[in-house]
Amino acid sequence: MQPTATMISEYTATLFTGYRQSLLQDPEYPELDEGPRTSEIAIAGTGMVEFNCVGQFPEPTVRFEVWSGRPIRGPVDEIPGFEGLFDVVNPLVVLGSPTSASTDLAIPLPRSGPYAVQAWRYLPAESSESRIIPGAQVEPEDWLIRIWPHCPDGSDC
């Protein structure tokens, strides 16, 4: 029987994006490299994960969770999600704009090495609590991002 995963930490922030993207990256990784594109939601690769927003000038609200192991289930099965692998050499990663912004989050991780990531992008029509910004052309989107240490043999790292 596998041990139950627990949430280690969680963060919620409204992020500034650049080029309709936000990145989770290890700023000390010697050479960032995108992996193969298998989803329109995100791309996971060497030292980074790229999250793709839909709106022209999105400022998504992101809930970011760090788990001890694979969470038992996703939040909503009807919304398509993304799952991938990435790795870090520095256990302090940054989530934010590819061009850097004051809203970027520095997130400590339990260790360096490989991680699994899951992400869900909630568009306003899908969100139960859509937020409307006065004067905005597009409603913001919401994200849920979860990561945990990846162990190739499925054990608890």
Protein backbone atom coordinates (compact mmCIF):
# COMPACT_ATOMS: atom_id res chain seq x y z
CA MET A 1 0.00 0.00 0.00
CA GLN A 2 1.35 3.41 -1.01
CA PRO A 3 1.64 6.12 1.65
CA THR A 4 -0.88 8.96 1.45
CA ALA A 5 0.52 12.13 -0.06
CA THR A 6 0.24 15.31 1.98
CA MET A 7 0.37 18.93 0.93
CA ILE A 8 3.64 20.51 2.08
CA SER A 9 2.91 24.11 1.09
CA GLU A 10 0.50 26.19 -0.94
CA TYR A 11 0.60 29.65 -2.50
CA THR A 12 -2.07 31.79 -4.15
CA ALA A 13 -1.16 34.81 -6.26
CA THR A 14 -2.26 36.87 -9.22
CA LEU A 15 0.65 36.72 -11.65
CA PHE A 16 1.73 39.04 -14.41
CA THR A 17 2.40 37.01 -17.56
CA GLY A 18 4.48 37.70 -20.64
CA TYR A 19 3.76 36.50 -24.15
CA ARG A 20 0.64 34.71 -22.79
CA GLN A 21 2.88 32.51 -20.64
CA SER A 22 4.02 31.99 -17.13
CA LEU A 23 7.01 29.85 -16.20
CA LEU A 24 8.01 27.66 -13.32
CA GLN A 25 11.77 27.55 -13.54
CA ASP A 26 14.98 26.83 -11.75
CA PRO A 27 16.91 30.10 -12.23
CA GLU A 28 20.22 28.27 -11.66
CA TYR A 29 19.67 25.49 -14.19
CA PRO A 30 22.58 25.63 -16.66
CA GLU A 31 20.41 25.26 -19.78
CA LEU A 32 16.62 25.39 -19.82
CA ASP A 33 15.00 23.23 -22.47
CA GLU A 34 11.33 22.79 -23.35
CA GLY A 35 10.17 19.25 -23.72
CA PRO A 36 7.91 18.01 -26.49
CA ARG A 37 4.57 19.79 -26.91
CA THR A 38 1.93 17.28 -25.84
CA SER A 39 -0.70 19.73 -24.59
CA GLU A 40 -1.92 23.25 -25.29
CA ILE A 41 -2.04 23.87 -21.53
CA ALA A 42 1.65 23.44 -20.66
CA ILE A 43 5.07 22.08 -21.65
CA ALA A 44 7.43 20.47 -19.13
CA GLY A 45 11.14 20.18 -19.81
CA THR A 46 14.61 20.46 -18.42
CA GLY A 47 14.63 22.95 -15.53
CA MET A 48 11.26 24.46 -16.35
CA VAL A 49 7.53 24.22 -17.05
CA GLU A 50 5.78 26.68 -19.38
CA PHE A 51 2.08 27.40 -18.74
CA ASN A 52 0.10 28.81 -21.68
CA CYS A 53 -2.64 31.34 -21.01
CA VAL A 54 -5.58 31.98 -23.33
CA GLY A 55 -6.30 35.71 -22.88
CA GLN A 56 -4.42 38.51 -24.64
CA PHE A 57 -3.32 40.20 -21.39
CA PRO A 58 -4.02 37.61 -18.73
CA GLU A 59 -3.22 38.08 -15.08
CA PRO A 60 -4.25 34.66 -13.85
CA THR A 61 -4.90 33.79 -10.26
CA VAL A 62 -2.77 30.74 -9.53
CA ARG A 63 -3.04 28.29 -6.69
CA PHE A 64 0.28 26.45 -6.46
CA GLU A 65 0.65 23.36 -4.28
CA VAL A 66 3.75 21.39 -3.32
CA TRP A 67 2.97 17.78 -2.31
CA SER A 68 5.03 15.03 -0.67
CA GLY A 69 3.86 12.55 -3.33
CA ARG A 70 1.27 12.13 -6.06
CA PRO A 71 -2.08 13.63 -4.97
CA ILE A 72 -4.82 11.01 -4.97
CA ARG A 73 -7.07 12.84 -7.42
CA GLY A 74 -7.51 15.98 -9.46
CA PRO A 75 -9.90 18.74 -8.51
CA VAL A 76 -12.37 18.43 -11.38
CA ASP A 77 -12.31 15.56 -13.82
CA GLU A 78 -14.37 17.37 -16.48
CA ILE A 79 -11.69 20.03 -17.08
CA PRO A 80 -8.74 18.88 -19.19
CA GLY A 81 -5.44 18.96 -17.36
CA PHE A 82 -1.75 18.58 -18.04
CA GLU A 83 0.75 16.20 -16.50
CA GLY A 84 4.50 16.15 -17.09
CA LEU A 85 7.99 15.85 -15.61
CA PHE A 86 10.74 18.42 -15.04
CA ASP A 87 13.86 18.60 -12.93
CA VAL A 88 15.68 21.19 -10.84
CA VAL A 89 19.23 21.55 -9.53
CA ASN A 90 18.27 24.31 -7.09
CA PRO A 91 15.38 23.57 -4.71
CA LEU A 92 14.24 27.21 -4.94
CA VAL A 93 12.14 27.78 -8.07
CA VAL A 94 10.41 30.85 -9.46
CA LEU A 95 6.82 30.94 -10.76
CA GLY A 96 6.00 33.98 -12.84
CA SER A 97 6.52 35.94 -16.01
CA PRO A 98 9.21 34.88 -18.51
CA THR A 99 10.37 38.53 -18.42
CA SER A 100 10.39 38.78 -14.59
CA ALA A 101 7.84 40.80 -12.67
CA SER A 102 7.16 41.99 -9.14
CA THR A 103 4.40 39.36 -8.84
CA ASP A 104 6.81 36.42 -9.39
CA LEU A 105 6.83 33.87 -6.56
CA ALA A 106 9.97 32.24 -5.12
CA ILE A 107 8.98 28.75 -3.97
CA PRO A 108 11.20 26.48 -1.85
CA LEU A 109 11.02 22.77 -2.71
CA PRO A 110 11.90 19.80 -0.47
CA ARG A 111 14.90 18.80 -2.61
CA SER A 112 16.56 19.07 -6.01
CA GLY A 113 15.96 16.42 -8.67
CA PRO A 114 13.01 15.28 -10.77
CA TYR A 115 9.45 16.48 -10.13
CA ALA A 116 6.05 15.66 -11.54
CA VAL A 117 3.62 18.48 -12.33
CA GLN A 118 -0.13 18.64 -12.89
CA ALA A 119 -1.91 21.79 -14.09
CA TRP A 120 -5.50 22.79 -14.75
CA ARG A 121 -6.49 26.01 -16.53
CA TYR A 122 -9.99 27.22 -15.61
CA LEU A 123 -11.46 29.61 -18.14
CA PRO A 124 -14.18 32.00 -16.89
CA ALA A 125 -17.04 29.93 -18.32
CA GLU A 126 -15.68 26.87 -16.47
CA SER A 127 -14.99 28.59 -13.15
CA SER A 128 -17.64 28.48 -10.46
CA GLU A 129 -16.46 31.87 -9.19
CA SER A 130 -15.64 33.90 -12.33
CA ARG A 131 -14.13 37.25 -11.49
CA ILE A 132 -14.86 40.28 -13.64
CA ILE A 133 -12.40 43.17 -13.77
CA PRO A 134 -14.12 46.49 -14.64
CA GLY A 135 -12.99 47.77 -18.04
CA ALA A 136 -11.15 44.57 -18.96
CA GLN A 137 -11.64 43.01 -22.38
CA VAL A 138 -11.16 39.48 -21.10
CA GLU A 139 -11.98 37.88 -17.78
CA PRO A 140 -8.95 36.45 -15.99
CA GLU A 141 -8.36 32.73 -15.93
CA ASP A 142 -7.60 30.64 -12.86
CA TRP A 143 -4.95 27.94 -12.55
CA LEU A 144 -4.30 25.07 -10.17
CA ILE A 145 -0.74 23.75 -10.33
CA ARG A 146 0.52 20.82 -8.24
CA ILE A 147 4.06 19.45 -8.06
CA TRP A 148 5.69 16.62 -6.11
CA PRO A 149 9.04 14.77 -6.09
CA HIS A 150 9.09 12.18 -8.87
CA CYS A 151 10.51 8.76 -8.17
CA PRO A 152 10.81 6.58 -11.26
CA ASP A 153 10.07 3.40 -9.27
CA GLY A 154 6.86 4.87 -7.83
CA SER A 155 8.20 4.88 -4.26
CA ASP A 156 8.08 7.82 -1.87
CA CYS A 157 11.29 9.78 -2.49
